[in-house]
Amino acid sequence: MRTMTRNRRTFYEAALDTVTMGQDKDGNYTEEVKTYSTPTERKGVITPANGQADTQLFGANEIYDKVITLNSNENYLAVGSILWVDTMPEFDEETGKVITPYDYIVVKVANSLNFVNVAIRKVNVS
C-alpha cells in the first residue's frame, strides 16, 4: 500500500562513483572531486515535505526535506547519490554530460521488511 503504482513519481538518480583528491598546480591536495554515474530514471512515492512522523523515522538530528519510499525489492538509493526530483536532467549534445544541476542529495536510508525510506535534502547547485 505504501508504494502503490498510482502514487509513484518519476525522478532521476546518479550514484556516487569515485571520490579523489584534487590537486593545484604545485601538486598540493585541494578538495574532494566526486564523479557520478549517468542519471537513470527511477520511480517512488515522494512526500511533499517532511513532517513530525518522518522526523522520528530518521532521528531528530538528521536534516532532510522529503522522503522517497521504494519497494524493498528495488535497488535502493545510496547515501551521497544526487537526484533530480523537481527538475529533469538535460544533456549536452556534444559531450553527453549533464548540464542541468541536481536539486536533491540522499542523506539517510532506512530499510524495512517491505519498503525502503530514503531521506533527501534540497541543495542549491549553480
N, C-alpha and C. Protein backbone atom coordinates (compact mmCIF):
# COMPACT_ATOMS: atom_id res chain seq x y z
N MET A 1 0.80 -1.20 0.00
CA MET A 1 0.00 0.00 0.00
C MET A 1 0.85 1.27 0.00
N ARG A 2 2.04 1.22 0.64
CA ARG A 2 2.87 2.41 0.71
C ARG A 2 3.40 2.85 -0.65
N THR A 3 3.60 1.90 -1.55
CA THR A 3 4.19 2.24 -2.85
C THR A 3 3.26 1.87 -4.00
N MET A 4 2.00 2.24 -3.88
CA MET A 4 1.04 1.96 -4.94
C MET A 4 1.49 2.65 -6.22
N THR A 5 1.29 1.99 -7.34
CA THR A 5 1.75 2.48 -8.63
C THR A 5 1.21 3.87 -8.95
N ARG A 6 -0.02 4.13 -8.62
CA ARG A 6 -0.60 5.43 -8.96
C ARG A 6 0.01 6.58 -8.16
N ASN A 7 0.65 6.29 -7.04
CA ASN A 7 1.27 7.33 -6.21
C ASN A 7 2.74 7.57 -6.54
N ARG A 8 3.31 6.75 -7.40
CA ARG A 8 4.74 6.86 -7.70
C ARG A 8 5.01 7.99 -8.69
N ARG A 9 6.09 8.72 -8.43
CA ARG A 9 6.53 9.81 -9.30
C ARG A 9 7.89 9.47 -9.89
N THR A 10 8.17 10.03 -11.04
CA THR A 10 9.46 9.82 -11.68
C THR A 10 10.48 10.80 -11.13
N PHE A 11 11.68 10.31 -10.86
CA PHE A 11 12.82 11.14 -10.51
C PHE A 11 14.05 10.49 -11.11
N TYR A 12 15.16 11.19 -11.10
CA TYR A 12 16.39 10.68 -11.70
C TYR A 12 17.48 10.62 -10.65
N GLU A 13 18.31 9.57 -10.72
CA GLU A 13 19.35 9.35 -9.72
C GLU A 13 20.69 9.11 -10.41
N ALA A 14 21.74 9.69 -9.85
CA ALA A 14 23.11 9.41 -10.28
C ALA A 14 23.88 8.99 -9.03
N ALA A 15 24.39 7.76 -9.03
CA ALA A 15 25.10 7.23 -7.87
C ALA A 15 26.53 7.75 -7.85
N LEU A 16 27.07 7.86 -6.65
CA LEU A 16 28.44 8.30 -6.46
C LEU A 16 29.38 7.20 -6.96
N ASP A 17 30.25 7.51 -7.92
CA ASP A 17 31.19 6.53 -8.47
C ASP A 17 32.52 6.56 -7.73
N THR A 18 33.21 7.69 -7.81
CA THR A 18 34.54 7.78 -7.19
C THR A 18 34.71 9.11 -6.47
N VAL A 19 35.60 9.09 -5.48
CA VAL A 19 35.98 10.31 -4.78
C VAL A 19 37.50 10.36 -4.79
N THR A 20 38.06 11.40 -5.40
CA THR A 20 39.52 11.58 -5.45
C THR A 20 39.86 12.96 -4.91
N MET A 21 41.10 13.15 -4.58
CA MET A 21 41.56 14.45 -4.11
C MET A 21 42.07 15.27 -5.29
N GLY A 22 41.58 16.50 -5.42
CA GLY A 22 42.05 17.40 -6.46
C GLY A 22 43.40 17.97 -6.09
N GLN A 23 44.15 18.41 -7.09
CA GLN A 23 45.47 18.99 -6.84
C GLN A 23 45.58 20.32 -7.56
N ASP A 24 46.32 21.25 -6.94
CA ASP A 24 46.58 22.52 -7.59
C ASP A 24 47.83 22.39 -8.46
N LYS A 25 48.29 23.50 -9.05
CA LYS A 25 49.42 23.46 -9.98
C LYS A 25 50.74 23.05 -9.32
N ASP A 26 50.83 23.20 -7.98
CA ASP A 26 52.05 22.83 -7.26
C ASP A 26 52.00 21.39 -6.75
N GLY A 27 50.90 20.69 -7.00
CA GLY A 27 50.77 19.31 -6.55
C GLY A 27 50.19 19.16 -5.16
N ASN A 28 49.74 20.25 -4.57
CA ASN A 28 49.11 20.19 -3.25
C ASN A 28 47.66 19.75 -3.38
N TYR A 29 47.22 18.92 -2.44
CA TYR A 29 45.83 18.46 -2.47
C TYR A 29 44.91 19.61 -2.07
N THR A 30 43.80 19.73 -2.79
CA THR A 30 42.88 20.84 -2.53
C THR A 30 41.57 20.34 -1.92
N GLU A 31 40.67 19.80 -2.71
CA GLU A 31 39.39 19.35 -2.20
C GLU A 31 39.00 18.04 -2.89
N GLU A 32 37.97 17.41 -2.37
CA GLU A 32 37.50 16.17 -2.95
C GLU A 32 36.84 16.44 -4.30
N VAL A 33 37.12 15.57 -5.28
CA VAL A 33 36.48 15.64 -6.58
C VAL A 33 35.63 14.38 -6.71
N LYS A 34 34.32 14.56 -6.81
CA LYS A 34 33.40 13.42 -6.87
C LYS A 34 32.92 13.23 -8.30
N THR A 35 32.85 11.99 -8.73
CA THR A 35 32.28 11.66 -10.03
C THR A 35 31.06 10.79 -9.81
N TYR A 36 30.07 10.97 -10.68
CA TYR A 36 28.80 10.28 -10.54
C TYR A 36 28.49 9.51 -11.82
N SER A 37 27.64 8.49 -11.69
CA SER A 37 27.20 7.72 -12.84
C SER A 37 26.23 8.56 -13.68
N THR A 38 25.87 8.05 -14.84
CA THR A 38 24.88 8.70 -15.68
C THR A 38 23.52 8.61 -15.00
N PRO A 39 22.75 9.69 -14.99
CA PRO A 39 21.44 9.66 -14.33
C PRO A 39 20.52 8.60 -14.93
N THR A 40 19.84 7.87 -14.07
CA THR A 40 18.88 6.86 -14.50
C THR A 40 17.51 7.22 -13.95
N GLU A 41 16.48 6.85 -14.69
CA GLU A 41 15.11 7.14 -14.28
C GLU A 41 14.69 6.15 -13.21
N ARG A 42 14.05 6.65 -12.16
CA ARG A 42 13.53 5.83 -11.06
C ARG A 42 12.11 6.27 -10.78
N LYS A 43 11.38 5.46 -10.04
CA LYS A 43 10.03 5.82 -9.61
C LYS A 43 9.89 5.48 -8.13
N GLY A 44 9.22 6.38 -7.40
CA GLY A 44 8.99 6.17 -5.99
C GLY A 44 7.94 7.13 -5.48
N VAL A 45 7.46 6.87 -4.29
CA VAL A 45 6.49 7.75 -3.65
C VAL A 45 7.28 8.83 -2.92
N ILE A 46 7.06 10.08 -3.30
CA ILE A 46 7.81 11.21 -2.75
C ILE A 46 6.87 12.06 -1.92
N THR A 47 7.24 12.28 -0.65
CA THR A 47 6.41 13.11 0.21
C THR A 47 6.51 14.57 -0.21
N PRO A 48 5.48 15.37 0.02
CA PRO A 48 5.54 16.78 -0.34
C PRO A 48 6.53 17.57 0.51
N ALA A 49 6.68 17.21 1.77
CA ALA A 49 7.63 17.87 2.68
C ALA A 49 7.72 17.02 3.93
N ASN A 50 8.76 17.26 4.74
CA ASN A 50 8.88 16.43 5.94
C ASN A 50 7.90 16.87 7.01
N GLY A 51 7.62 15.95 7.91
CA GLY A 51 6.68 16.24 8.98
C GLY A 51 7.16 15.60 10.27
N GLN A 52 6.36 15.69 11.30
CA GLN A 52 6.75 15.16 12.60
C GLN A 52 6.93 13.65 12.58
N ALA A 53 6.07 12.92 11.88
CA ALA A 53 6.18 11.46 11.84
C ALA A 53 7.47 11.04 11.14
N ASP A 54 7.87 11.76 10.10
CA ASP A 54 9.10 11.44 9.39
C ASP A 54 10.33 11.75 10.21
N THR A 55 10.26 12.77 11.04
CA THR A 55 11.40 13.16 11.86
C THR A 55 11.81 12.02 12.78
N GLN A 56 10.86 11.32 13.36
CA GLN A 56 11.16 10.20 14.23
C GLN A 56 11.74 9.02 13.46
N LEU A 57 11.40 8.89 12.20
CA LEU A 57 11.87 7.79 11.39
C LEU A 57 13.38 7.80 11.22
N PHE A 58 13.98 8.96 10.99
CA PHE A 58 15.41 9.06 10.74
C PHE A 58 16.18 9.66 11.91
N GLY A 59 15.49 10.08 12.94
CA GLY A 59 16.15 10.69 14.09
C GLY A 59 15.94 12.18 14.09
N ALA A 60 16.05 12.77 15.25
CA ALA A 60 15.77 14.20 15.41
C ALA A 60 16.89 15.07 14.86
N ASN A 61 18.12 14.56 14.75
CA ASN A 61 19.26 15.39 14.33
C ASN A 61 19.49 15.40 12.83
N GLU A 62 18.86 14.51 12.10
CA GLU A 62 19.07 14.44 10.66
C GLU A 62 18.24 15.53 9.97
N ILE A 63 18.87 16.30 9.09
CA ILE A 63 18.18 17.38 8.39
C ILE A 63 17.85 16.89 6.98
N TYR A 64 16.56 16.89 6.65
CA TYR A 64 16.12 16.49 5.32
C TYR A 64 14.81 17.18 5.00
N ASP A 65 14.48 17.20 3.70
CA ASP A 65 13.29 17.92 3.25
C ASP A 65 12.15 17.02 2.81
N LYS A 66 12.48 15.88 2.18
CA LYS A 66 11.46 14.96 1.68
C LYS A 66 11.89 13.53 1.95
N VAL A 67 10.93 12.62 1.78
CA VAL A 67 11.21 11.19 1.92
C VAL A 67 10.71 10.49 0.66
N ILE A 68 11.54 9.61 0.12
CA ILE A 68 11.15 8.77 -1.01
C ILE A 68 10.96 7.36 -0.47
N THR A 69 9.82 6.75 -0.79
CA THR A 69 9.55 5.38 -0.38
C THR A 69 9.61 4.48 -1.60
N LEU A 70 10.43 3.42 -1.49
CA LEU A 70 10.62 2.45 -2.57
C LEU A 70 10.23 1.07 -2.07
N ASN A 71 9.91 0.16 -2.98
CA ASN A 71 9.70 -1.23 -2.60
C ASN A 71 11.01 -1.82 -2.13
N SER A 72 10.97 -2.79 -1.24
CA SER A 72 12.19 -3.38 -0.70
C SER A 72 12.95 -4.21 -1.73
N ASN A 73 12.29 -4.67 -2.79
CA ASN A 73 12.96 -5.49 -3.79
C ASN A 73 13.65 -4.65 -4.88
N GLU A 74 13.55 -3.33 -4.81
CA GLU A 74 14.21 -2.46 -5.78
C GLU A 74 15.62 -2.13 -5.30
N ASN A 75 16.49 -1.76 -6.23
CA ASN A 75 17.80 -1.26 -5.83
C ASN A 75 17.59 0.06 -5.14
N TYR A 76 17.95 0.12 -3.88
CA TYR A 76 17.70 1.35 -3.14
C TYR A 76 18.80 2.37 -3.40
N LEU A 77 18.52 3.59 -3.04
CA LEU A 77 19.44 4.69 -3.25
C LEU A 77 20.51 4.69 -2.17
N ALA A 78 21.72 5.02 -2.54
CA ALA A 78 22.83 5.05 -1.59
C ALA A 78 23.02 6.47 -1.06
N VAL A 79 23.50 6.56 0.17
CA VAL A 79 23.80 7.87 0.75
C VAL A 79 24.86 8.55 -0.11
N GLY A 80 24.64 9.82 -0.43
CA GLY A 80 25.55 10.57 -1.27
C GLY A 80 25.14 10.64 -2.73
N SER A 81 24.15 9.84 -3.14
CA SER A 81 23.65 9.91 -4.51
C SER A 81 22.98 11.26 -4.74
N ILE A 82 23.05 11.74 -5.98
CA ILE A 82 22.40 13.01 -6.31
C ILE A 82 21.12 12.72 -7.09
N LEU A 83 20.13 13.59 -6.93
CA LEU A 83 18.81 13.36 -7.51
C LEU A 83 18.29 14.59 -8.23
N TRP A 84 17.51 14.34 -9.26
CA TRP A 84 16.73 15.36 -9.95
C TRP A 84 15.27 15.02 -9.66
N VAL A 85 14.67 15.71 -8.70
CA VAL A 85 13.29 15.42 -8.28
C VAL A 85 12.33 16.43 -8.89
N ASP A 86 12.61 17.70 -8.73
CA ASP A 86 11.74 18.76 -9.24
C ASP A 86 12.14 19.20 -10.65
N THR A 87 13.27 18.71 -11.13
CA THR A 87 13.74 19.04 -12.48
C THR A 87 14.07 17.75 -13.21
N MET A 88 14.32 17.89 -14.50
CA MET A 88 14.71 16.74 -15.32
C MET A 88 16.12 17.00 -15.85
N PRO A 89 17.03 16.01 -15.77
CA PRO A 89 18.38 16.26 -16.26
C PRO A 89 18.41 16.42 -17.78
N GLU A 90 19.15 17.43 -18.23
CA GLU A 90 19.35 17.66 -19.66
C GLU A 90 20.82 17.42 -19.96
N PHE A 91 21.10 16.90 -21.15
CA PHE A 91 22.45 16.51 -21.52
C PHE A 91 23.00 17.41 -22.62
N ASP A 92 24.30 17.67 -22.58
CA ASP A 92 25.00 18.39 -23.64
C ASP A 92 25.11 17.45 -24.82
N GLU A 93 24.70 17.89 -26.01
CA GLU A 93 24.70 17.02 -27.18
C GLU A 93 26.10 16.62 -27.62
N GLU A 94 27.08 17.49 -27.41
CA GLU A 94 28.44 17.19 -27.85
C GLU A 94 29.17 16.25 -26.89
N THR A 95 29.12 16.56 -25.60
CA THR A 95 29.89 15.78 -24.63
C THR A 95 29.08 14.68 -23.97
N GLY A 96 27.76 14.79 -23.95
CA GLY A 96 26.92 13.81 -23.29
C GLY A 96 26.85 13.99 -21.78
N LYS A 97 27.46 15.06 -21.26
CA LYS A 97 27.43 15.31 -19.82
C LYS A 97 26.16 16.05 -19.43
N VAL A 98 25.78 15.86 -18.17
CA VAL A 98 24.58 16.52 -17.65
C VAL A 98 24.85 18.00 -17.46
N ILE A 99 23.95 18.85 -17.96
CA ILE A 99 24.11 20.30 -17.82
C ILE A 99 23.11 20.89 -16.83
N THR A 100 22.07 20.14 -16.48
CA THR A 100 21.08 20.61 -15.51
C THR A 100 21.57 20.27 -14.11
N PRO A 101 21.67 21.24 -13.22
CA PRO A 101 22.12 20.92 -11.86
C PRO A 101 21.10 20.06 -11.12
N TYR A 102 21.61 19.15 -10.30
CA TYR A 102 20.73 18.33 -9.47
C TYR A 102 20.12 19.19 -8.38
N ASP A 103 19.02 18.73 -7.79
CA ASP A 103 18.35 19.55 -6.78
C ASP A 103 18.21 18.88 -5.41
N TYR A 104 18.53 17.59 -5.29
CA TYR A 104 18.47 16.90 -4.00
C TYR A 104 19.65 15.96 -3.86
N ILE A 105 19.97 15.61 -2.62
CA ILE A 105 21.01 14.64 -2.31
C ILE A 105 20.48 13.69 -1.24
N VAL A 106 20.85 12.42 -1.33
CA VAL A 106 20.41 11.42 -0.36
C VAL A 106 21.22 11.57 0.92
N VAL A 107 20.54 11.71 2.07
CA VAL A 107 21.24 11.89 3.34
C VAL A 107 21.10 10.69 4.28
N LYS A 108 20.06 9.88 4.12
CA LYS A 108 19.88 8.74 5.01
C LYS A 108 18.97 7.71 4.36
N VAL A 109 19.22 6.43 4.64
CA VAL A 109 18.41 5.34 4.11
C VAL A 109 17.96 4.48 5.28
N ALA A 110 16.65 4.17 5.35
CA ALA A 110 16.10 3.32 6.40
C ALA A 110 15.41 2.13 5.74
N ASN A 111 15.98 0.93 5.92
CA ASN A 111 15.41 -0.29 5.35
C ASN A 111 14.38 -0.89 6.27
N SER A 112 13.34 -1.45 5.67
CA SER A 112 12.30 -2.15 6.41
C SER A 112 12.09 -3.48 5.69
N LEU A 113 11.22 -4.31 6.22
CA LEU A 113 10.96 -5.60 5.62
C LEU A 113 10.28 -5.46 4.25
N ASN A 114 9.36 -4.50 4.13
CA ASN A 114 8.56 -4.38 2.91
C ASN A 114 8.88 -3.16 2.05
N PHE A 115 9.60 -2.20 2.58
CA PHE A 115 9.89 -0.99 1.82
C PHE A 115 11.16 -0.34 2.34
N VAL A 116 11.64 0.66 1.59
CA VAL A 116 12.84 1.41 1.94
C VAL A 116 12.46 2.89 1.96
N ASN A 117 12.77 3.59 3.04
CA ASN A 117 12.56 5.03 3.11
C ASN A 117 13.90 5.72 2.94
N VAL A 118 13.92 6.75 2.09
CA VAL A 118 15.14 7.49 1.79
C VAL A 118 14.91 8.95 2.10
N ALA A 119 15.70 9.51 3.02
CA ALA A 119 15.61 10.93 3.36
C ALA A 119 16.48 11.70 2.38
N ILE A 120 15.91 12.76 1.77
CA ILE A 120 16.66 13.58 0.81
C ILE A 120 16.61 15.03 1.25
N ARG A 121 17.68 15.76 0.91
CA ARG A 121 17.78 17.17 1.29
C ARG A 121 17.94 18.03 0.05
N LYS A 122 17.24 19.14 0.02
CA LYS A 122 17.32 20.10 -1.09
C LYS A 122 18.67 20.79 -1.05
N VAL A 123 19.30 20.93 -2.21
CA VAL A 123 20.58 21.62 -2.33
C VAL A 123 20.49 22.64 -3.46
N ASN A 124 21.30 23.67 -3.36
CA ASN A 124 21.38 24.67 -4.42
C ASN A 124 22.73 24.52 -5.11
N VAL A 125 22.70 24.07 -6.35
CA VAL A 125 23.90 23.88 -7.13
C VAL A 125 23.86 24.85 -8.28
N SER A 126 24.94 25.60 -8.45
CA SER A 126 24.95 26.57 -9.55
C SER A 126 25.91 26.15 -10.62
